[in-house]
Amino acid sequence: MKKGKNTDNSETERKIRPALNPDARENQLISLAVDLAEKQLKEGTASAQVITHYLKLATQKEKIEQQILEKQKALIEAKTESLQSAKRIEELYKNALDAMRNYSGHGGDDEEYEY
């Protein structure tokens, strides 16, 4: 009686849960590709392109470029926060000026006049 599918390779294939969205699927595929590259490197069957890719990742230049990208990302986030803060301050000033106008008797158009 057969218990399951027999495979030719000695390694058992691990089951991966289906991804719930495209980003998760992309991450799964990246993980599989990296695992395959690792296996090929260990077995000595990796192509020159795979070897060159991982050698490039190990260079000092690549590390510096990664640091620069991280700093640029942080700078962009800081600029975004600054712009949002400036908008909030502008809104607060506008509200304060409107309140002062109302208190001084020079209110807006929404006032009703009674005669």
C-alpha atoms as a PDB file:
ATOM      1  CA  MET A   1       0.000   0.000   0.000  1.00  0.00           C
ATOM      2  CA  LYS A   2       1.371   3.429  -0.959  1.00  0.00           C
ATOM      3  CA  LYS A   3       1.638   5.957   1.838  1.00  0.00           C
ATOM      4  CA  GLY A   4       2.478   8.956  -0.299  1.00  0.00           C
ATOM      5  CA  LYS A   5       4.394  10.252  -3.248  1.00  0.00           C
ATOM      6  CA  ASN A   6       7.986   9.052  -3.508  1.00  0.00           C
ATOM      7  CA  THR A   7      10.538  11.640  -4.551  1.00  0.00           C
ATOM      8  CA  ASP A   8      13.896  11.065  -6.207  1.00  0.00           C
ATOM      9  CA  ASN A   9      15.869  13.481  -4.042  1.00  0.00           C
ATOM     10  CA  SER A  10      16.582  12.625  -0.443  1.00  0.00           C
ATOM     11  CA  GLU A  11      15.501  16.025   0.874  1.00  0.00           C
ATOM     12  CA  THR A  12      11.858  16.343   1.745  1.00  0.00           C
ATOM     13  CA  GLU A  13      10.168  19.274   0.123  1.00  0.00           C
ATOM     14  CA  ARG A  14       8.818  21.683   2.702  1.00  0.00           C
ATOM     15  CA  LYS A  15       5.262  22.824   2.343  1.00  0.00           C
ATOM     16  CA  ILE A  16       4.684  26.551   2.186  1.00  0.00           C
ATOM     17  CA  ARG A  17       1.367  28.050   3.169  1.00  0.00           C
ATOM     18  CA  PRO A  18      -0.211  30.020   0.296  1.00  0.00           C
ATOM     19  CA  ALA A  19       0.437  33.748   0.492  1.00  0.00           C
ATOM     20  CA  LEU A  20      -2.446  36.007   1.464  1.00  0.00           C
ATOM     21  CA  ASN A  21      -1.363  38.945  -0.705  1.00  0.00           C
ATOM     22  CA  PRO A  22       1.053  39.736  -3.566  1.00  0.00           C
ATOM     23  CA  ASP A  23       3.722  41.178  -1.254  1.00  0.00           C
ATOM     24  CA  ALA A  24       3.783  38.025   0.853  1.00  0.00           C
ATOM     25  CA  ARG A  25       3.989  35.918  -2.308  1.00  0.00           C
ATOM     26  CA  GLU A  26       6.925  37.970  -3.541  1.00  0.00           C
ATOM     27  CA  ASN A  27       8.675  37.464  -0.207  1.00  0.00           C
ATOM     28  CA  GLN A  28       8.080  33.713  -0.451  1.00  0.00           C
ATOM     29  CA  LEU A  29       9.607  33.594  -3.917  1.00  0.00           C
ATOM     30  CA  ILE A  30      12.601  35.655  -2.807  1.00  0.00           C
ATOM     31  CA  SER A  31      13.115  33.292   0.108  1.00  0.00           C
ATOM     32  CA  LEU A  32      12.990  30.279  -2.208  1.00  0.00           C
ATOM     33  CA  ALA A  33      15.467  31.883  -4.608  1.00  0.00           C
ATOM     34  CA  VAL A  34      17.898  32.675  -1.790  1.00  0.00           C
ATOM     35  CA  ASP A  35      17.563  29.130  -0.433  1.00  0.00           C
ATOM     36  CA  LEU A  36      18.308  27.724  -3.885  1.00  0.00           C
ATOM     37  CA  ALA A  37      21.307  30.011  -4.318  1.00  0.00           C
ATOM     38  CA  GLU A  38      22.612  28.916  -0.909  1.00  0.00           C
ATOM     39  CA  LYS A  39      22.222  25.264  -1.864  1.00  0.00           C
ATOM     40  CA  GLN A  40      24.004  25.823  -5.190  1.00  0.00           C
ATOM     41  CA  LEU A  41      26.848  27.681  -3.480  1.00  0.00           C
ATOM     42  CA  LYS A  42      27.290  24.875  -0.936  1.00  0.00           C
ATOM     43  CA  GLU A  43      27.266  22.210  -3.646  1.00  0.00           C
ATOM     44  CA  GLY A  44      29.576  24.171  -5.939  1.00  0.00           C
ATOM     45  CA  THR A  45      27.033  24.292  -8.755  1.00  0.00           C
ATOM     46  CA  ALA A  46      26.201  28.020  -8.581  1.00  0.00           C
ATOM     47  CA  SER A  47      26.467  30.027 -11.778  1.00  0.00           C
ATOM     48  CA  ALA A  48      28.952  32.868 -12.122  1.00  0.00           C
ATOM     49  CA  GLN A  49      26.071  35.339 -11.893  1.00  0.00           C
ATOM     50  CA  VAL A  50      24.943  33.976  -8.524  1.00  0.00           C
ATOM     51  CA  ILE A  51      28.482  34.007  -7.158  1.00  0.00           C
ATOM     52  CA  THR A  52      29.092  37.546  -8.425  1.00  0.00           C
ATOM     53  CA  HIS A  53      25.821  38.742  -6.895  1.00  0.00           C
ATOM     54  CA  TYR A  54      26.744  37.526  -3.421  1.00  0.00           C
ATOM     55  CA  LEU A  55      30.340  38.707  -3.715  1.00  0.00           C
ATOM     56  CA  LYS A  56      29.036  42.173  -4.602  1.00  0.00           C
ATOM     57  CA  LEU A  57      26.839  42.181  -1.501  1.00  0.00           C
ATOM     58  CA  ALA A  58      29.908  41.573   0.627  1.00  0.00           C
ATOM     59  CA  THR A  59      31.906  44.567  -0.668  1.00  0.00           C
ATOM     60  CA  GLN A  60      32.534  47.690   1.380  1.00  0.00           C
ATOM     61  CA  LYS A  61      31.063  49.832  -1.408  1.00  0.00           C
ATOM     62  CA  GLU A  62      27.770  47.962  -1.220  1.00  0.00           C
ATOM     63  CA  LYS A  63      27.634  48.398   2.556  1.00  0.00           C
ATOM     64  CA  ILE A  64      28.243  52.134   2.224  1.00  0.00           C
ATOM     65  CA  GLU A  65      25.567  52.394  -0.479  1.00  0.00           C
ATOM     66  CA  GLN A  66      23.099  50.607   1.815  1.00  0.00           C
ATOM     67  CA  GLN A  67      23.920  53.017   4.634  1.00  0.00           C
ATOM     68  CA  ILE A  68      23.397  55.976   2.302  1.00  0.00           C
ATOM     69  CA  LEU A  69      20.021  54.597   1.233  1.00  0.00           C
ATOM     70  CA  GLU A  70      18.984  54.151   4.866  1.00  0.00           C
ATOM     71  CA  LYS A  71      20.008  57.733   5.684  1.00  0.00           C
ATOM     72  CA  GLN A  72      18.138  59.052   2.627  1.00  0.00           C
ATOM     73  CA  LYS A  73      15.056  57.155   3.723  1.00  0.00           C
ATOM     74  CA  ALA A  74      15.317  58.645   7.221  1.00  0.00           C
ATOM     75  CA  LEU A  75      15.759  62.121   5.718  1.00  0.00           C
ATOM     76  CA  ILE A  76      12.676  61.734   3.532  1.00  0.00           C
ATOM     77  CA  GLU A  77      10.665  60.551   6.549  1.00  0.00           C
ATOM     78  CA  ALA A  78      11.890  63.539   8.587  1.00  0.00           C
ATOM     79  CA  LYS A  79      10.959  65.954   5.791  1.00  0.00           C
ATOM     80  CA  THR A  80       7.513  64.384   5.535  1.00  0.00           C
ATOM     81  CA  GLU A  81       6.979  64.749   9.293  1.00  0.00           C
ATOM     82  CA  SER A  82       8.172  68.349   9.120  1.00  0.00           C
ATOM     83  CA  LEU A  83       5.719  69.184   6.348  1.00  0.00           C
ATOM     84  CA  GLN A  84       2.867  67.559   8.253  1.00  0.00           C
ATOM     85  CA  SER A  85       3.838  69.468  11.377  1.00  0.00           C
ATOM     86  CA  ALA A  86       3.934  72.740   9.422  1.00  0.00           C
ATOM     87  CA  LYS A  87       0.435  72.041   8.100  1.00  0.00           C
ATOM     88  CA  ARG A  88      -0.822  71.397  11.632  1.00  0.00           C
ATOM     89  CA  ILE A  89       0.764  74.632  12.886  1.00  0.00           C
ATOM     90  CA  GLU A  90      -0.737  76.567   9.976  1.00  0.00           C
ATOM     91  CA  GLU A  91      -4.163  75.159  10.839  1.00  0.00           C
ATOM     92  CA  LEU A  92      -3.708  76.096  14.502  1.00  0.00           C
ATOM     93  CA  TYR A  93      -2.746  79.677  13.548  1.00  0.00           C
ATOM     94  CA  LYS A  94      -5.778  79.909  11.274  1.00  0.00           C
ATOM     95  CA  ASN A  95      -8.060  78.669  14.033  1.00  0.00           C
ATOM     96  CA  ALA A  96      -6.512  81.096  16.521  1.00  0.00           C
ATOM     97  CA  LEU A  97      -6.948  84.048  14.143  1.00  0.00           C
ATOM     98  CA  ASP A  98     -10.549  83.059  13.446  1.00  0.00           C
ATOM     99  CA  ALA A  99     -11.232  82.831  17.181  1.00  0.00           C
ATOM    100  CA  MET A 100      -9.693  86.277  17.767  1.00  0.00           C
ATOM    101  CA  ARG A 101     -11.814  87.772  14.990  1.00  0.00           C
ATOM    102  CA  ASN A 102     -14.945  86.279  16.543  1.00  0.00           C
ATOM    103  CA  TYR A 103     -14.053  87.565  19.999  1.00  0.00           C
ATOM    104  CA  SER A 104     -13.329  91.070  18.693  1.00  0.00           C
ATOM    105  CA  GLY A 105     -16.691  91.338  16.952  1.00  0.00           C
ATOM    106  CA  HIS A 106     -15.403  90.927  13.421  1.00  0.00           C
ATOM    107  CA  GLY A 107     -16.815  87.439  13.002  1.00  0.00           C
ATOM    108  CA  GLY A 108     -17.185  85.472   9.823  1.00  0.00           C
ATOM    109  CA  ASP A 109     -20.101  85.075   7.451  1.00  0.00           C
ATOM    110  CA  ASP A 110     -21.867  82.528   9.624  1.00  0.00           C
ATOM    111  CA  GLU A 111     -23.146  85.141  12.095  1.00  0.00           C
ATOM    112  CA  GLU A 112     -26.810  86.012  12.039  1.00  0.00           C
ATOM    113  CA  TYR A 113     -27.846  89.591  12.561  1.00  0.00           C
ATOM    114  CA  GLU A 114     -31.038  90.403  14.416  1.00  0.00           C
ATOM    115  CA  TYR A 115     -32.773  93.761  14.000  1.00  0.00           C
END
